[in-house]
Amino acid sequence: MSLKNLNANKIHSILQKKIINKKIKHLFNLFEKELRIREKFAVAVSGGPDSLALAFLAKIYSIKNKLAIKFFIVDHKLRKESSNEAKKVKKLLKSIYINSEILSWNGKKPKKNIQSIARKKRYQLLFSKCKKYKINNLLLGHHLDDLYENFFIRIVRGSGLKGLASLEKKNQINKINLIRPLLVFDKSDLTFISKHVFNFFIEDPSNKDFKYTRVRIRSFIDELKKEGFDKKKLFLTISNLRRSNQTLLFYVEQNKKMNSFLNQKKNELILNENFFKNPYEVIFRSLIDSIKIIGGKYNTVRGKKIDNILSKIENNVLIKETLGGCIIKKLNQTVIISKED
């Protein structure tokens, strides 16, 4: 791989020395194949080996393809060391000419559901900055091990097809494309890059705290490996589930397109009778999407509440319900969804 697109000889020299390693060259070629975008993008960096590897690979990619790029470090301030760690990561990135910005989560912190709430706050901070800089693409450091862990977490939670097939290579939230170009990378490869390029990465102590579900699942997977657990077969299973999910999504989109009408003047969505003459999962997902379109809420409404609404529609007892920032009411054979005041 050539870095001849670099303008500054000094930067060229530093990055050239890092990329000359045969294994890193191979990993960059894989990264380039997975990413394939041709417009400006942002990168979320935590300081762990995964995100530091992502930052390095993304920097090389942006130079080679002459793309504008932004790097954001989120400081959750959940640990007293976090702010110093964020500053250290910023300095570390600067050493290979990566300019970054620290985004801080200020204010009162939760005592329960810490990881879940922190994840939502992290996305809020990142989305806000992306919109400020008019960036539509955000790169995240999820890798192959995260894919497996997420799959087992969803099984434990009793998720359906959508949940089991989640953690896609690309999805969209609030008009921001979330891109995960490392989903085919083993964590060991990313750790190798981080050590070779930076000789440093942050070990988050929460990754060893068994009070968190993800840590317990990680330990469970390690035990499965001892019993001959085959990651390749699990990857094939997840790939098959994704294909099935894509088929279902096609029919959901068809249902919304053919059987709903958006009255822009009143900002209300009208669902006709045929909207509800589909397989249950198609109706279920179509209604969730419809509520999100009108309500404009970041979080998806809970499945049990959707089940309740659909039961009332089916039994012709729905009069008026509020859900997800919307008012849902039935008028003759149609259902009208309008924004709640």
Protein backbone atom coordinates (compact mmCIF):
# COMPACT_ATOMS: atom_id res chain seq x y z
CA MET A 1 0.00 0.00 0.00
CA SER A 2 1.30 3.45 -0.88
CA LEU A 3 0.89 6.60 1.18
CA LYS A 4 1.96 8.89 -1.66
CA ASN A 5 -1.22 10.94 -1.17
CA LEU A 6 0.24 12.35 2.05
CA ASN A 7 1.26 15.98 1.75
CA ALA A 8 3.68 16.26 4.67
CA ASN A 9 6.88 14.19 4.46
CA LYS A 10 7.10 13.99 8.25
CA ILE A 11 3.62 12.47 8.56
CA HIS A 12 4.40 10.20 5.61
CA SER A 13 7.51 8.89 7.35
CA ILE A 14 5.74 8.15 10.68
CA LEU A 15 2.76 6.38 9.14
CA GLN A 16 4.87 4.54 6.57
CA LYS A 17 6.90 2.98 9.38
CA LYS A 18 3.71 1.81 11.07
CA ILE A 19 2.10 0.31 7.98
CA ILE A 20 5.18 -1.47 6.66
CA ASN A 21 4.51 -4.49 8.88
CA LYS A 22 3.26 -7.37 6.71
CA LYS A 23 0.40 -8.34 9.05
CA ILE A 24 -0.81 -4.74 9.41
CA LYS A 25 -0.73 -4.31 5.63
CA HIS A 26 -2.95 -7.38 5.32
CA LEU A 27 -5.33 -6.10 8.00
CA PHE A 28 -5.54 -2.69 6.35
CA ASN A 29 -6.43 -4.30 3.01
CA LEU A 30 -9.23 -6.17 4.78
CA PHE A 31 -10.37 -2.95 6.46
CA GLU A 32 -10.39 -1.11 3.13
CA LYS A 33 -12.50 -3.85 1.58
CA GLU A 34 -15.01 -3.68 4.44
CA LEU A 35 -15.36 0.11 4.60
CA ARG A 36 -15.74 1.31 1.01
CA ILE A 37 -17.04 4.83 1.56
CA ARG A 38 -16.12 7.91 -0.43
CA GLU A 39 -17.35 10.76 1.73
CA LYS A 40 -16.26 12.37 4.99
CA PHE A 41 -16.71 10.40 8.18
CA ALA A 42 -16.12 10.42 11.93
CA VAL A 43 -14.52 7.84 14.22
CA ALA A 44 -15.49 7.08 17.83
CA VAL A 45 -12.41 6.37 19.97
CA SER A 46 -12.48 5.01 23.52
CA GLY A 47 -8.82 4.24 24.10
CA GLY A 48 -9.25 0.47 24.11
CA PRO A 49 -7.27 -1.65 21.62
CA ASP A 50 -10.23 -1.98 19.27
CA SER A 51 -10.91 1.73 18.85
CA LEU A 52 -7.21 2.68 18.70
CA ALA A 53 -6.73 0.15 15.90
CA LEU A 54 -9.82 1.59 14.21
CA ALA A 55 -8.42 5.14 14.53
CA PHE A 56 -5.14 4.14 12.89
CA LEU A 57 -6.75 2.19 10.03
CA ALA A 58 -9.29 4.98 9.45
CA LYS A 59 -6.52 7.60 9.32
CA ILE A 60 -4.65 5.65 6.64
CA TYR A 61 -7.89 5.11 4.73
CA SER A 62 -8.79 8.82 4.84
CA ILE A 63 -5.35 9.80 3.53
CA LYS A 64 -5.33 7.24 0.76
CA ASN A 65 -8.83 8.27 -0.37
CA LYS A 66 -8.42 12.02 0.34
CA LEU A 67 -11.39 12.15 2.70
CA ALA A 68 -12.10 14.57 5.55
CA ILE A 69 -12.26 12.83 8.91
CA LYS A 70 -13.04 13.67 12.55
CA PHE A 71 -12.04 11.71 15.67
CA PHE A 72 -14.11 11.90 18.87
CA ILE A 73 -13.14 10.59 22.31
CA VAL A 74 -16.06 10.22 24.74
CA ASP A 75 -15.27 10.82 28.41
CA HIS A 76 -18.19 9.38 30.41
CA LYS A 77 -16.71 10.61 33.71
CA LEU A 78 -17.91 7.42 35.39
CA ARG A 79 -14.47 6.79 36.86
CA LYS A 80 -12.16 9.36 38.43
CA GLU A 81 -9.39 8.31 36.03
CA SER A 82 -11.49 8.77 32.88
CA SER A 83 -10.67 12.42 32.15
CA ASN A 84 -6.92 11.84 32.44
CA GLU A 85 -7.25 8.74 30.26
CA ALA A 86 -9.13 10.73 27.61
CA LYS A 87 -6.37 13.35 27.59
CA LYS A 88 -3.75 10.62 27.31
CA VAL A 89 -5.56 9.06 24.34
CA LYS A 90 -5.83 12.47 22.68
CA LYS A 91 -2.06 12.98 23.11
CA LEU A 92 -1.37 9.46 21.85
CA LEU A 93 -3.41 10.05 18.69
CA LYS A 94 -1.66 13.36 18.18
CA SER A 95 1.67 11.50 18.11
CA ILE A 96 0.69 10.01 14.74
CA TYR A 97 -0.95 13.25 13.56
CA ILE A 98 -4.52 12.36 14.42
CA ASN A 99 -6.34 15.39 15.81
CA SER A 100 -9.21 14.48 18.10
CA GLU A 101 -11.89 16.11 20.22
CA ILE A 102 -12.96 15.01 23.70
CA LEU A 103 -16.73 14.88 24.32
CA SER A 104 -17.59 14.92 28.03
CA TRP A 105 -20.69 13.58 29.74
CA ASN A 106 -21.24 16.09 32.51
CA GLY A 107 -23.93 16.07 35.17
CA LYS A 108 -25.41 13.50 37.54
CA LYS A 109 -24.60 9.85 36.80
CA PRO A 110 -27.00 6.89 37.15
CA LYS A 111 -26.71 4.25 39.88
CA LYS A 112 -28.56 1.55 37.91
CA ASN A 113 -28.35 0.36 34.28
CA ILE A 114 -25.05 2.25 34.08
CA GLN A 115 -23.69 0.65 30.90
CA SER A 116 -26.98 0.94 29.02
CA ILE A 117 -27.50 4.60 29.95
CA ALA A 118 -23.84 5.42 29.26
CA ARG A 119 -24.15 3.86 25.80
CA LYS A 120 -27.19 6.04 24.99
CA LYS A 121 -25.43 9.14 26.25
CA ARG A 122 -22.34 8.29 24.20
CA TYR A 123 -24.42 8.10 21.04
CA GLN A 124 -26.18 11.37 21.86
CA LEU A 125 -22.83 13.15 22.20
CA LEU A 126 -21.47 11.60 19.01
CA PHE A 127 -24.61 12.30 16.97
CA SER A 128 -24.65 15.92 18.12
CA LYS A 129 -21.09 16.46 16.92
CA CYS A 130 -21.70 14.65 13.65
CA LYS A 131 -24.66 16.91 12.90
CA LYS A 132 -22.63 19.99 13.85
CA TYR A 133 -19.96 19.06 11.30
CA LYS A 134 -22.54 17.75 8.79
CA ILE A 135 -21.10 14.24 8.89
CA ASN A 136 -23.42 11.37 7.98
CA ASN A 137 -21.07 8.45 8.66
CA LEU A 138 -19.80 7.36 12.08
CA LEU A 139 -17.33 4.48 12.43
CA LEU A 140 -17.57 2.26 15.52
CA GLY A 141 -15.04 -0.25 16.83
CA HIS A 142 -17.27 -3.33 17.27
CA HIS A 143 -15.44 -6.49 16.21
CA LEU A 144 -16.07 -10.21 15.75
CA ASP A 145 -15.95 -11.02 19.48
CA ASP A 146 -18.57 -8.30 20.11
CA LEU A 147 -20.78 -9.95 17.49
CA TYR A 148 -20.68 -13.28 19.31
CA GLU A 149 -21.20 -11.71 22.74
CA ASN A 150 -24.16 -9.71 21.47
CA PHE A 151 -25.74 -12.86 20.00
CA PHE A 152 -25.64 -14.71 23.33
CA ILE A 153 -26.84 -11.66 25.27
CA ARG A 154 -29.87 -11.47 22.99
CA ILE A 155 -30.57 -15.18 23.48
CA VAL A 156 -30.55 -14.68 27.25
CA ARG A 157 -33.00 -11.78 26.85
CA GLY A 158 -35.34 -13.84 24.69
CA SER A 159 -34.88 -11.69 21.59
CA GLY A 160 -36.52 -12.50 18.30
CA LEU A 161 -35.00 -12.59 14.82
CA LYS A 162 -34.27 -8.87 14.73
CA GLY A 163 -32.36 -8.96 18.01
CA LEU A 164 -30.36 -12.08 17.16
CA ALA A 165 -29.36 -10.61 13.81
CA SER A 166 -28.45 -7.23 15.29
CA LEU A 167 -25.05 -5.53 15.31
CA GLU A 168 -25.11 -5.10 11.57
CA LYS A 169 -22.17 -3.86 9.56
CA LYS A 170 -24.24 -0.76 8.84
CA ASN A 171 -27.43 0.70 10.24
CA GLN A 172 -28.90 4.17 10.60
CA ILE A 173 -30.06 6.12 13.65
CA ASN A 174 -31.20 9.74 13.53
CA LYS A 175 -30.01 9.94 9.90
CA ILE A 176 -26.47 9.00 10.94
CA ASN A 177 -24.98 5.88 9.33
CA LEU A 178 -23.37 3.69 12.00
CA ILE A 179 -20.63 1.72 10.25
CA ARG A 180 -18.76 -1.20 11.83
CA PRO A 181 -15.87 -2.10 9.49
CA LEU A 182 -14.19 -4.32 12.10
CA LEU A 183 -16.92 -6.95 12.42
CA VAL A 184 -14.74 -9.49 10.56
CA PHE A 185 -11.71 -8.77 12.76
CA ASP A 186 -10.66 -10.88 15.74
CA LYS A 187 -9.91 -8.89 18.86
CA SER A 188 -6.39 -10.36 18.89
CA ASP A 189 -5.66 -8.72 15.51
CA LEU A 190 -6.83 -5.34 16.77
CA THR A 191 -4.75 -5.69 19.91
CA PHE A 192 -1.75 -6.45 17.67
CA ILE A 193 -2.30 -3.23 15.69
CA SER A 194 -2.73 -1.17 18.84
CA LYS A 195 0.47 -2.53 20.39
CA HIS A 196 2.46 -2.14 17.17
CA VAL A 197 1.29 1.39 16.39
CA PHE A 198 0.82 2.92 19.85
CA ASN A 199 2.44 0.44 22.26
CA PHE A 200 -0.49 1.34 24.52
CA PHE A 201 -4.19 0.88 25.16
CA ILE A 202 -6.56 1.40 28.09
CA GLU A 203 -7.89 -1.58 30.02
CA ASP A 204 -11.36 -0.68 31.25
CA PRO A 205 -11.82 -2.34 34.68
CA SER A 206 -15.53 -2.81 33.99
CA ASN A 207 -14.52 -5.43 31.39
CA LYS A 208 -13.63 -7.73 34.29
CA ASP A 209 -16.57 -6.89 36.55
CA PHE A 210 -18.95 -9.84 36.70
CA LYS A 211 -21.89 -7.68 37.73
CA TYR A 212 -22.24 -6.81 34.03
CA THR A 213 -24.04 -9.25 31.73
CA ARG A 214 -21.53 -8.81 28.90
CA VAL A 215 -18.63 -9.85 31.14
CA ARG A 216 -20.46 -12.98 32.27
CA ILE A 217 -21.32 -13.84 28.66
CA ARG A 218 -17.67 -13.35 27.69
CA SER A 219 -16.64 -15.81 30.38
CA PHE A 220 -19.33 -18.23 29.16
CA ILE A 221 -17.92 -18.09 25.61
CA ASP A 222 -14.43 -18.76 26.96
CA GLU A 223 -15.78 -21.90 28.63
CA LEU A 224 -17.46 -22.97 25.39
CA LYS A 225 -14.12 -22.70 23.60
CA LYS A 226 -12.77 -25.36 25.94
CA GLU A 227 -15.58 -27.64 24.75
CA GLY A 228 -14.72 -27.13 21.08
CA PHE A 229 -16.92 -24.11 20.36
CA ASP A 230 -16.59 -23.31 16.64
CA LYS A 231 -16.78 -19.58 15.94
CA LYS A 232 -16.97 -20.13 12.19
CA LYS A 233 -20.19 -22.13 12.53
CA LEU A 234 -21.71 -19.47 14.79
CA PHE A 235 -20.76 -16.80 12.27
CA LEU A 236 -22.55 -18.83 9.58
CA THR A 237 -25.65 -19.06 11.82
CA ILE A 238 -25.67 -15.29 12.39
CA SER A 239 -25.19 -14.70 8.63
CA ASN A 240 -28.19 -16.92 7.88
CA LEU A 241 -30.29 -15.07 10.45
CA ARG A 242 -29.31 -11.77 8.87
CA ARG A 243 -30.45 -12.95 5.44
CA SER A 244 -33.78 -14.01 6.91
CA ASN A 245 -34.06 -10.65 8.65
CA GLN A 246 -33.37 -8.82 5.38
CA THR A 247 -36.19 -10.76 3.71
CA LEU A 248 -38.55 -9.75 6.49
CA LEU A 249 -37.43 -6.11 6.23
CA PHE A 250 -38.33 -6.16 2.53
CA TYR A 251 -41.95 -7.05 3.34
CA VAL A 252 -42.06 -4.48 6.15
CA GLU A 253 -41.00 -1.75 3.74
CA GLN A 254 -43.55 -2.95 1.18
CA ASN A 255 -46.30 -2.85 3.79
CA LYS A 256 -45.43 0.69 4.85
CA LYS A 257 -45.17 1.85 1.25
CA MET A 258 -48.41 0.27 0.04
CA ASN A 259 -50.63 0.60 3.10
CA SER A 260 -49.77 3.86 4.85
CA PHE A 261 -50.13 7.50 3.88
CA LEU A 262 -48.37 10.49 5.44
CA ASN A 263 -50.48 13.62 5.72
CA GLN A 264 -47.69 16.18 5.94
CA LYS A 265 -49.99 19.12 6.70
CA LYS A 266 -51.33 17.44 9.82
CA ASN A 267 -48.15 15.44 10.47
CA GLU A 268 -50.12 12.26 10.86
CA LEU A 269 -49.75 8.79 9.41
CA ILE A 270 -52.82 6.93 8.18
CA LEU A 271 -52.67 3.14 8.17
CA ASN A 272 -55.29 1.46 6.02
CA GLU A 273 -57.04 -1.84 6.65
CA ASN A 274 -54.56 -3.85 4.56
CA PHE A 275 -51.71 -2.66 6.76
CA PHE A 276 -52.95 -5.17 9.34
CA LYS A 277 -53.53 -8.07 6.90
CA ASN A 278 -49.94 -9.31 6.97
CA PRO A 279 -48.01 -11.86 9.05
CA TYR A 280 -47.78 -10.65 12.64
CA GLU A 281 -44.05 -9.86 12.60
CA VAL A 282 -44.47 -7.69 9.49
CA ILE A 283 -47.31 -5.75 11.15
CA PHE A 284 -45.36 -5.52 14.42
CA ARG A 285 -42.26 -4.01 12.82
CA SER A 286 -44.26 -1.79 10.48
CA LEU A 287 -46.13 -0.27 13.42
CA ILE A 288 -42.90 0.31 15.39
CA ASP A 289 -41.40 2.14 12.39
CA SER A 290 -44.58 4.17 11.92
CA ILE A 291 -44.60 5.32 15.54
CA LYS A 292 -40.92 6.25 15.31
CA ILE A 293 -41.51 8.30 12.14
CA ILE A 294 -44.18 10.45 13.79
CA GLY A 295 -42.94 10.41 17.40
CA GLY A 296 -39.32 11.12 16.48
CA LYS A 297 -38.08 9.38 19.62
CA TYR A 298 -34.51 8.04 19.82
CA ASN A 299 -35.50 4.83 21.60
CA THR A 300 -37.74 2.18 20.07
CA VAL A 301 -40.97 1.49 21.98
CA ARG A 302 -41.12 -1.75 23.94
CA GLY A 303 -42.46 -4.85 22.23
CA LYS A 304 -45.06 -5.60 24.91
CA LYS A 305 -46.68 -2.20 24.39
CA ILE A 306 -46.85 -2.80 20.63
CA ASP A 307 -48.40 -6.22 21.29
CA ASN A 308 -51.02 -4.53 23.46
CA ILE A 309 -51.90 -1.96 20.78
CA LEU A 310 -52.16 -4.63 18.09
CA SER A 311 -54.39 -6.77 20.32
CA LYS A 312 -56.77 -3.85 20.79
CA ILE A 313 -56.81 -3.13 17.04
CA GLU A 314 -57.48 -6.79 16.24
CA ASN A 315 -60.32 -6.97 18.78
CA ASN A 316 -61.71 -3.64 17.60
CA VAL A 317 -61.46 -2.06 21.06
CA LEU A 318 -58.82 0.56 20.35
CA ILE A 319 -60.13 4.06 20.98
CA LYS A 320 -57.11 6.20 21.81
CA GLU A 321 -53.65 5.31 23.11
CA THR A 322 -50.44 7.27 23.63
CA LEU A 323 -47.12 5.61 22.88
CA GLY A 324 -43.65 6.74 21.78
CA GLY A 325 -44.63 10.40 21.64
CA CYS A 326 -47.67 9.58 19.49
CA ILE A 327 -51.45 9.45 19.76
CA ILE A 328 -52.83 6.29 18.16
CA LYS A 329 -56.54 6.06 17.43
CA LYS A 330 -58.83 3.99 15.25
CA LEU A 331 -61.33 5.57 12.89
CA ASN A 332 -63.57 3.15 11.04
CA GLN A 333 -61.15 0.72 9.33
CA THR A 334 -58.07 2.92 9.54
CA VAL A 335 -55.59 3.70 12.28
CA ILE A 336 -54.28 7.25 12.60
CA ILE A 337 -50.95 8.06 14.24
CA SER A 338 -50.33 11.70 15.15
CA LYS A 339 -47.70 13.44 17.23
CA GLU A 340 -48.52 13.91 20.91
CA ASP A 341 -48.68 17.56 22.03
